[in-house]
Every structure is written in structure tokens, then in C-alpha cells.
Amino acid sequence: MHIPDGFLDPLVAGLFWLGSGVVIGLAVRRARHELGDERTPLLGVVAAGLFAAQMLNWPIPGGTSAHFVGGAFAGILLGPSLGVLAMTAVVTIQALVFGDGGIIALGANLFAMAVVDVLVGYAVFRALRGVHETGAAFVAGWAAITASALAVGVGVGVSSAFAYELGVTVPIMVVGHALLGIVEGGITAAVYGYVADARPDLVLGRSTDEALSPEVGL
């Protein structure tokens, strides 16, 4: 999922930087009104957990790699703005400190994992939550990582600097991460279910009274 430097044309990398910058800037503005005594430490805890989970990655054909992302979980638990900021911190530290993903390509990696992954996961969960909460978390985790893989596949596929074109990069990234998404969806659902039961006050849009209701999650 992390794109190294040299895989993207300058124009493509610049467009990704622009898109990521706009969304992250909006997230910063909105986050000022969302942070509080409980949300601030939760933001740090979620970012640290996702950082550790993303350190486990393995290569897939074409020079890229697959790993757990967790953007959907961040969006579900923190909301879209704080979720974007949590993933931004994780992806940026990985690039600057551990060399996981390139510096020029950081805008693309942020767009895929901190923007697309978070926002798609949040949107899917909100759309399906009324049907089945745990199932919604599973589908959100699967859809989010698949969508972010599509963004990466398109980015490297349209770049002449990369050895392969869209016909190769998109199927490899999407199919590989759609399979990985089954695992990520399961983890997202399991962790969300645990947090929702143990600390419903930490879940965005869910109160303790809702957690005690027998109708929730049915």
C-alpha cells in the first residue's frame, strides 16, 4: 500500500499532494471543535494502535506491498475528521522515520490511507449501521481498504515512471487487497464490537443507553 519514490510522475504526485492537503486542512479545522477531554487521548491511542498494526506488511506482485490499514476503524470510532488526522500522523511518521513509503509519494499515500480509507469506511458504516452494527463495521473495513488500493493502483498505473499500466496495477492492487479486506473487515468488526460493548461512550454517535438496548446490533 505504501508507494515508494520513483513510482509516480511528478504531476500525479502533485495532484495527490493537493487532494490530501485540502482534505487534511478541512479535517484540522473541524477537529478543533471535536477534541475534548476524552477524544484527545483516544486519538492518540487509536493512532498508536494503527501504527503498530501497519508495521506488519508483505510484498505483492508489481513492487508494492499489502498490510493492515485500519482507516475504517479510525473513521468509525473517531469520526471522519479525527480519523483523517490519526491516519495522517501514522502514515507521515512511517515515511519520515521508518522509510515506509517515499517522501515525494507521501501525498499519494496519505490520500489512499488517510483520506480514501477513512472516509469510505466511515460512509459505508454510517450507511449500513442501522441494518446491523457489527456487519456494517465488517463491510466498512473491507470496502475501505479495497477503495484505497484502487486509488494506489490508479496512481501508479497512470504514471509513466512505473513499469506497469492500469490494466496490471488496478487488478493486482484491488484483488489483492479485496482478499486482505476480508481479514481487515473481520478485525475491524471484532475490535469495534469490543469497544462498543466495553466503552460505548467512546463510540461516535453511540451512548451508554444505546449499548444496553437489546435492539442495537440486531
C-alpha atoms as a PDB file:
ATOM      1  CA  MET A   1       0.000   0.000   0.000  1.00  0.00           C
ATOM      2  CA  HIS A   2       2.919   2.384   0.679  1.00  0.00           C
ATOM      3  CA  ILE A   3       4.185   3.798  -2.625  1.00  0.00           C
ATOM      4  CA  PRO A   4       7.973   4.343  -2.789  1.00  0.00           C
ATOM      5  CA  ASP A   5       9.510   7.351  -4.523  1.00  0.00           C
ATOM      6  CA  GLY A   6      10.085   6.885  -8.241  1.00  0.00           C
ATOM      7  CA  PHE A   7       6.772   5.166  -8.901  1.00  0.00           C
ATOM      8  CA  LEU A   8       4.747   8.323  -9.621  1.00  0.00           C
ATOM      9  CA  ASP A   9       5.093  11.027 -12.254  1.00  0.00           C
ATOM     10  CA  PRO A  10       5.643  14.500 -10.741  1.00  0.00           C
ATOM     11  CA  LEU A  11       2.229  15.699 -11.950  1.00  0.00           C
ATOM     12  CA  VAL A  12       0.456  12.690 -10.429  1.00  0.00           C
ATOM     13  CA  ALA A  13       2.353  13.077  -7.151  1.00  0.00           C
ATOM     14  CA  GLY A  14       1.486  16.778  -7.098  1.00  0.00           C
ATOM     15  CA  LEU A  15      -2.221  16.119  -7.636  1.00  0.00           C
ATOM     16  CA  PHE A  16      -2.209  13.628  -4.785  1.00  0.00           C
ATOM     17  CA  TRP A  17      -0.484  16.208  -2.555  1.00  0.00           C
ATOM     18  CA  LEU A  18      -3.137  18.754  -3.488  1.00  0.00           C
ATOM     19  CA  GLY A  19      -6.044  16.420  -2.776  1.00  0.00           C
ATOM     20  CA  SER A  20      -4.572  15.236   0.519  1.00  0.00           C
ATOM     21  CA  GLY A  21      -3.735  18.778   1.604  1.00  0.00           C
ATOM     22  CA  VAL A  22      -7.272  20.036   1.012  1.00  0.00           C
ATOM     23  CA  VAL A  23      -8.928  17.202   2.935  1.00  0.00           C
ATOM     24  CA  ILE A  24      -6.427  17.242   5.811  1.00  0.00           C
ATOM     25  CA  GLY A  25      -6.754  21.021   6.083  1.00  0.00           C
ATOM     26  CA  LEU A  26     -10.530  20.708   6.360  1.00  0.00           C
ATOM     27  CA  ALA A  27     -10.108  17.944   8.942  1.00  0.00           C
ATOM     28  CA  VAL A  28      -7.869  20.189  11.061  1.00  0.00           C
ATOM     29  CA  ARG A  29     -10.464  22.969  11.025  1.00  0.00           C
ATOM     30  CA  ARG A  30     -13.294  20.654  12.026  1.00  0.00           C
ATOM     31  CA  ALA A  31     -11.214  18.801  14.621  1.00  0.00           C
ATOM     32  CA  ARG A  32     -10.810  21.966  16.677  1.00  0.00           C
ATOM     33  CA  HIS A  33     -14.475  21.681  17.634  1.00  0.00           C
ATOM     34  CA  GLU A  34     -14.424  17.916  18.212  1.00  0.00           C
ATOM     35  CA  LEU A  35     -11.495  17.409  20.572  1.00  0.00           C
ATOM     36  CA  GLY A  36     -12.263  17.164  24.277  1.00  0.00           C
ATOM     37  CA  ASP A  37     -11.078  15.510  27.453  1.00  0.00           C
ATOM     38  CA  GLU A  38     -11.936  12.008  26.175  1.00  0.00           C
ATOM     39  CA  ARG A  39     -11.474  12.391  22.426  1.00  0.00           C
ATOM     40  CA  THR A  40      -7.920  13.766  22.642  1.00  0.00           C
ATOM     41  CA  PRO A  41      -6.324  10.749  24.404  1.00  0.00           C
ATOM     42  CA  LEU A  42      -8.471   8.413  22.297  1.00  0.00           C
ATOM     43  CA  LEU A  43      -6.997   9.981  19.164  1.00  0.00           C
ATOM     44  CA  GLY A  44      -3.507   9.149  20.427  1.00  0.00           C
ATOM     45  CA  VAL A  45      -4.418   5.609  21.441  1.00  0.00           C
ATOM     46  CA  VAL A  46      -6.034   4.832  18.092  1.00  0.00           C
ATOM     47  CA  ALA A  47      -3.087   6.297  16.156  1.00  0.00           C
ATOM     48  CA  ALA A  48      -0.592   4.258  18.207  1.00  0.00           C
ATOM     49  CA  GLY A  49      -2.556   1.048  17.703  1.00  0.00           C
ATOM     50  CA  LEU A  50      -2.841   1.572  13.967  1.00  0.00           C
ATOM     51  CA  PHE A  51       0.854   2.418  13.740  1.00  0.00           C
ATOM     52  CA  ALA A  52       1.758  -0.918  15.326  1.00  0.00           C
ATOM     53  CA  ALA A  53      -0.694  -2.842  13.125  1.00  0.00           C
ATOM     54  CA  GLN A  54       0.627  -1.259   9.923  1.00  0.00           C
ATOM     55  CA  MET A  55       4.182  -2.357  10.670  1.00  0.00           C
ATOM     56  CA  LEU A  56       3.144  -5.864   9.627  1.00  0.00           C
ATOM     57  CA  ASN A  57       3.326  -5.857   5.815  1.00  0.00           C
ATOM     58  CA  TRP A  58       4.345  -8.136   2.987  1.00  0.00           C
ATOM     59  CA  PRO A  59       5.158  -7.614  -0.718  1.00  0.00           C
ATOM     60  CA  ILE A  60       2.688  -8.324  -3.515  1.00  0.00           C
ATOM     61  CA  PRO A  61       3.447  -8.513  -7.278  1.00  0.00           C
ATOM     62  CA  GLY A  62       4.375  -5.281  -9.022  1.00  0.00           C
ATOM     63  CA  GLY A  63       6.673  -3.772  -6.389  1.00  0.00           C
ATOM     64  CA  THR A  64       4.031  -2.682  -3.870  1.00  0.00           C
ATOM     65  CA  SER A  65       3.084  -4.159  -0.511  1.00  0.00           C
ATOM     66  CA  ALA A  66      -0.013  -5.182   1.406  1.00  0.00           C
ATOM     67  CA  HIS A  67      -0.697  -4.643   5.101  1.00  0.00           C
ATOM     68  CA  PHE A  68      -3.438  -3.862   7.559  1.00  0.00           C
ATOM     69  CA  VAL A  69      -4.535  -0.246   7.262  1.00  0.00           C
ATOM     70  CA  GLY A  70      -7.202   0.437   9.886  1.00  0.00           C
ATOM     71  CA  GLY A  71      -8.506   3.651   8.385  1.00  0.00           C
ATOM     72  CA  ALA A  72     -12.090   2.425   8.522  1.00  0.00           C
ATOM     73  CA  PHE A  73     -11.782   1.713  12.237  1.00  0.00           C
ATOM     74  CA  ALA A  74     -10.314   5.166  12.826  1.00  0.00           C
ATOM     75  CA  GLY A  75     -13.184   6.785  10.941  1.00  0.00           C
ATOM     76  CA  ILE A  76     -15.836   4.713  12.697  1.00  0.00           C
ATOM     77  CA  LEU A  77     -14.517   5.323  16.203  1.00  0.00           C
ATOM     78  CA  LEU A  78     -13.212   8.880  15.882  1.00  0.00           C
ATOM     79  CA  GLY A  79     -15.344  10.307  13.098  1.00  0.00           C
ATOM     80  CA  PRO A  80     -14.076  11.425   9.683  1.00  0.00           C
ATOM     81  CA  SER A  81     -12.072  14.477  10.790  1.00  0.00           C
ATOM     82  CA  LEU A  82     -10.193  12.933  13.712  1.00  0.00           C
ATOM     83  CA  GLY A  83      -9.873   9.679  11.775  1.00  0.00           C
ATOM     84  CA  VAL A  84      -8.135  11.508   8.928  1.00  0.00           C
ATOM     85  CA  LEU A  85      -5.768  13.189  11.391  1.00  0.00           C
ATOM     86  CA  ALA A  86      -4.949   9.933  13.174  1.00  0.00           C
ATOM     87  CA  MET A  87      -4.086   8.196   9.909  1.00  0.00           C
ATOM     88  CA  THR A  88      -2.148  11.245   8.710  1.00  0.00           C
ATOM     89  CA  ALA A  89       0.081  11.047  11.779  1.00  0.00           C
ATOM     90  CA  VAL A  90       0.631   7.313  11.324  1.00  0.00           C
ATOM     91  CA  VAL A  91       1.472   7.428   7.610  1.00  0.00           C
ATOM     92  CA  THR A  92       3.699  10.509   7.963  1.00  0.00           C
ATOM     93  CA  ILE A  93       5.756   9.071  10.825  1.00  0.00           C
ATOM     94  CA  GLN A  94       6.192   5.810   8.941  1.00  0.00           C
ATOM     95  CA  ALA A  95       7.528   7.671   5.907  1.00  0.00           C
ATOM     96  CA  LEU A  96       9.795  10.146   7.722  1.00  0.00           C
ATOM     97  CA  VAL A  97      11.168   7.853  10.432  1.00  0.00           C
ATOM     98  CA  PHE A  98      10.968   4.323   9.062  1.00  0.00           C
ATOM     99  CA  GLY A  99      11.179   4.962   5.317  1.00  0.00           C
ATOM    100  CA  ASP A 100       7.904   3.115   4.720  1.00  0.00           C
ATOM    101  CA  GLY A 101       6.768   4.893   1.564  1.00  0.00           C
ATOM    102  CA  GLY A 102       8.508   7.737  -0.244  1.00  0.00           C
ATOM    103  CA  ILE A 103       8.620  11.416   0.688  1.00  0.00           C
ATOM    104  CA  ILE A 104       7.543  12.653  -2.747  1.00  0.00           C
ATOM    105  CA  ALA A 105       4.903   9.919  -2.792  1.00  0.00           C
ATOM    106  CA  LEU A 106       3.711  10.805   0.719  1.00  0.00           C
ATOM    107  CA  GLY A 107       0.819  12.822  -0.675  1.00  0.00           C
ATOM    108  CA  ALA A 108      -0.399   9.748  -2.555  1.00  0.00           C
ATOM    109  CA  ASN A 109      -0.007   7.500   0.468  1.00  0.00           C
ATOM    110  CA  LEU A 110      -1.890   9.996   2.619  1.00  0.00           C
ATOM    111  CA  PHE A 111      -4.638  10.215   0.011  1.00  0.00           C
ATOM    112  CA  ALA A 112      -5.060   6.445  -0.128  1.00  0.00           C
ATOM    113  CA  MET A 113      -4.804   5.629   3.580  1.00  0.00           C
ATOM    114  CA  ALA A 114      -5.699   8.822   5.464  1.00  0.00           C
ATOM    115  CA  VAL A 115      -8.365  10.161   3.104  1.00  0.00           C
ATOM    116  CA  VAL A 116      -9.958   7.438   0.985  1.00  0.00           C
ATOM    117  CA  ASP A 117      -9.669   4.649   3.556  1.00  0.00           C
ATOM    118  CA  VAL A 118     -11.078   6.730   6.406  1.00  0.00           C
ATOM    119  CA  LEU A 119     -13.864   8.471   4.503  1.00  0.00           C
ATOM    120  CA  VAL A 120     -15.061   5.377   2.626  1.00  0.00           C
ATOM    121  CA  GLY A 121     -15.011   3.305   5.808  1.00  0.00           C
ATOM    122  CA  TYR A 122     -16.934   5.962   7.731  1.00  0.00           C
ATOM    123  CA  ALA A 123     -19.502   6.456   4.963  1.00  0.00           C
ATOM    124  CA  VAL A 124     -20.154   2.733   4.499  1.00  0.00           C
ATOM    125  CA  PHE A 125     -20.513   2.178   8.239  1.00  0.00           C
ATOM    126  CA  ARG A 126     -22.945   5.054   8.635  1.00  0.00           C
ATOM    127  CA  ALA A 127     -24.996   3.811   5.685  1.00  0.00           C
ATOM    128  CA  LEU A 128     -25.284   0.238   6.991  1.00  0.00           C
ATOM    129  CA  ARG A 129     -25.214   0.805  10.729  1.00  0.00           C
ATOM    130  CA  GLY A 130     -28.991   0.771  11.079  1.00  0.00           C
ATOM    131  CA  VAL A 131     -29.165  -2.688   9.488  1.00  0.00           C
ATOM    132  CA  HIS A 132     -26.507  -4.445  11.593  1.00  0.00           C
ATOM    133  CA  GLU A 133     -23.792  -2.651  13.504  1.00  0.00           C
ATOM    134  CA  THR A 134     -21.142  -5.366  13.549  1.00  0.00           C
ATOM    135  CA  GLY A 135     -21.834  -6.304   9.952  1.00  0.00           C
ATOM    136  CA  ALA A 136     -21.561  -2.657   8.972  1.00  0.00           C
ATOM    137  CA  ALA A 137     -18.112  -2.468  10.573  1.00  0.00           C
ATOM    138  CA  PHE A 138     -17.020  -5.560   8.643  1.00  0.00           C
ATOM    139  CA  VAL A 139     -18.222  -4.230   5.280  1.00  0.00           C
ATOM    140  CA  ALA A 140     -16.699  -0.824   6.055  1.00  0.00           C
ATOM    141  CA  GLY A 141     -13.275  -2.358   6.733  1.00  0.00           C
ATOM    142  CA  TRP A 142     -13.427  -4.402   3.537  1.00  0.00           C
ATOM    143  CA  ALA A 143     -14.697  -1.576   1.327  1.00  0.00           C
ATOM    144  CA  ALA A 144     -12.257   0.985   2.701  1.00  0.00           C
ATOM    145  CA  ILE A 145      -9.079  -0.974   2.089  1.00  0.00           C
ATOM    146  CA  THR A 146     -10.305  -2.051  -1.351  1.00  0.00           C
ATOM    147  CA  ALA A 147     -11.062   1.558  -2.311  1.00  0.00           C
ATOM    148  CA  SER A 148      -7.687   2.793  -1.073  1.00  0.00           C
ATOM    149  CA  ALA A 149      -5.968   0.032  -3.050  1.00  0.00           C
ATOM    150  CA  LEU A 150      -7.848   1.223  -6.131  1.00  0.00           C
ATOM    151  CA  ALA A 151      -6.507   4.744  -5.561  1.00  0.00           C
ATOM    152  CA  VAL A 152      -2.953   3.395  -5.378  1.00  0.00           C
ATOM    153  CA  GLY A 153      -3.441   1.216  -8.453  1.00  0.00           C
ATOM    154  CA  VAL A 154      -4.744   4.145 -10.493  1.00  0.00           C
ATOM    155  CA  GLY A 155      -1.972   6.462  -9.290  1.00  0.00           C
ATOM    156  CA  VAL A 156       0.901   4.177 -10.248  1.00  0.00           C
ATOM    157  CA  GLY A 157      -0.910   2.903 -13.348  1.00  0.00           C
ATOM    158  CA  VAL A 158      -1.267   6.340 -14.941  1.00  0.00           C
ATOM    159  CA  SER A 159       2.366   7.221 -14.183  1.00  0.00           C
ATOM    160  CA  SER A 160       4.822   6.628 -16.992  1.00  0.00           C
ATOM    161  CA  ALA A 161       7.563   6.286 -14.363  1.00  0.00           C
ATOM    162  CA  PHE A 162       6.058   2.964 -13.255  1.00  0.00           C
ATOM    163  CA  ALA A 163       6.747  -0.176 -15.257  1.00  0.00           C
ATOM    164  CA  TYR A 164       3.128  -1.315 -15.489  1.00  0.00           C
ATOM    165  CA  GLU A 165      -0.071   0.306 -16.743  1.00  0.00           C
ATOM    166  CA  LEU A 166      -3.626   0.416 -15.376  1.00  0.00           C
ATOM    167  CA  GLY A 167      -4.511  -2.970 -16.823  1.00  0.00           C
ATOM    168  CA  VAL A 168      -1.952  -4.547 -14.492  1.00  0.00           C
ATOM    169  CA  THR A 169      -1.780  -2.267 -11.469  1.00  0.00           C
ATOM    170  CA  VAL A 170      -5.510  -1.958 -10.774  1.00  0.00           C
ATOM    171  CA  PRO A 171      -6.325  -5.708 -10.831  1.00  0.00           C
ATOM    172  CA  ILE A 172      -3.277  -6.585  -8.742  1.00  0.00           C
ATOM    173  CA  MET A 173      -3.936  -3.944  -6.097  1.00  0.00           C
ATOM    174  CA  VAL A 174      -7.708  -4.328  -5.970  1.00  0.00           C
ATOM    175  CA  VAL A 175      -7.855  -8.137  -5.994  1.00  0.00           C
ATOM    176  CA  GLY A 176      -5.002  -8.483  -3.510  1.00  0.00           C
ATOM    177  CA  HIS A 177      -6.482  -6.010  -1.074  1.00  0.00           C
ATOM    178  CA  ALA A 178     -10.050  -7.242  -1.584  1.00  0.00           C
ATOM    179  CA  LEU A 179      -8.846 -10.593  -0.236  1.00  0.00           C
ATOM    180  CA  LEU A 180      -6.918  -8.884   2.550  1.00  0.00           C
ATOM    181  CA  GLY A 181     -10.029  -6.823   3.193  1.00  0.00           C
ATOM    182  CA  ILE A 182     -11.856  -9.916   4.444  1.00  0.00           C
ATOM    183  CA  VAL A 183      -9.327 -10.153   7.263  1.00  0.00           C
ATOM    184  CA  GLU A 184      -9.311  -6.407   7.868  1.00  0.00           C
ATOM    185  CA  GLY A 185     -13.094  -6.343   7.890  1.00  0.00           C
ATOM    186  CA  GLY A 186     -13.157  -9.106  10.472  1.00  0.00           C
ATOM    187  CA  ILE A 187     -10.647  -7.323  12.693  1.00  0.00           C
ATOM    188  CA  THR A 188     -12.495  -4.019  12.302  1.00  0.00           C
ATOM    189  CA  ALA A 189     -15.786  -5.638  13.304  1.00  0.00           C
ATOM    190  CA  ALA A 190     -14.264  -7.513  16.240  1.00  0.00           C
ATOM    191  CA  VAL A 191     -12.429  -4.527  17.702  1.00  0.00           C
ATOM    192  CA  TYR A 192     -15.356  -2.201  17.136  1.00  0.00           C
ATOM    193  CA  GLY A 193     -17.715  -4.656  18.825  1.00  0.00           C
ATOM    194  CA  TYR A 194     -15.438  -4.925  21.833  1.00  0.00           C
ATOM    195  CA  VAL A 195     -15.069  -1.169  22.227  1.00  0.00           C
ATOM    196  CA  ALA A 196     -18.794  -0.574  21.687  1.00  0.00           C
ATOM    197  CA  ASP A 197     -19.677  -3.059  24.418  1.00  0.00           C
ATOM    198  CA  ALA A 198     -16.964  -2.071  26.892  1.00  0.00           C
ATOM    199  CA  ARG A 199     -16.941   1.697  26.392  1.00  0.00           C
ATOM    200  CA  PRO A 200     -19.953   2.838  24.363  1.00  0.00           C
ATOM    201  CA  ASP A 201     -19.259   6.422  25.450  1.00  0.00           C
ATOM    202  CA  LEU A 202     -16.131   6.382  23.274  1.00  0.00           C
ATOM    203  CA  VAL A 203     -18.005   5.404  20.123  1.00  0.00           C
ATOM    204  CA  LEU A 204     -19.064   8.338  17.990  1.00  0.00           C
ATOM    205  CA  GLY A 205     -22.838   8.678  17.927  1.00  0.00           C
ATOM    206  CA  ARG A 206     -23.484   5.902  20.430  1.00  0.00           C
ATOM    207  CA  SER A 207     -24.432   6.353  24.066  1.00  0.00           C
ATOM    208  CA  THR A 208     -24.368   4.021  27.048  1.00  0.00           C
ATOM    209  CA  ASP A 209     -28.170   3.699  26.903  1.00  0.00           C
ATOM    210  CA  GLU A 210     -27.953   2.509  23.290  1.00  0.00           C
ATOM    211  CA  ALA A 211     -25.383  -0.121  24.232  1.00  0.00           C
ATOM    212  CA  LEU A 212     -27.755  -1.501  26.842  1.00  0.00           C
ATOM    213  CA  SER A 213     -30.645  -1.715  24.391  1.00  0.00           C
ATOM    214  CA  PRO A 214     -31.325  -5.244  23.103  1.00  0.00           C
ATOM    215  CA  GLU A 215     -32.138  -3.808  19.661  1.00  0.00           C
ATOM    216  CA  VAL A 216     -28.655  -2.478  18.977  1.00  0.00           C
ATOM    217  CA  GLY A 217     -26.653  -4.632  16.598  1.00  0.00           C
ATOM    218  CA  LEU A 218     -29.663  -6.695  15.545  1.00  0.00           C
END
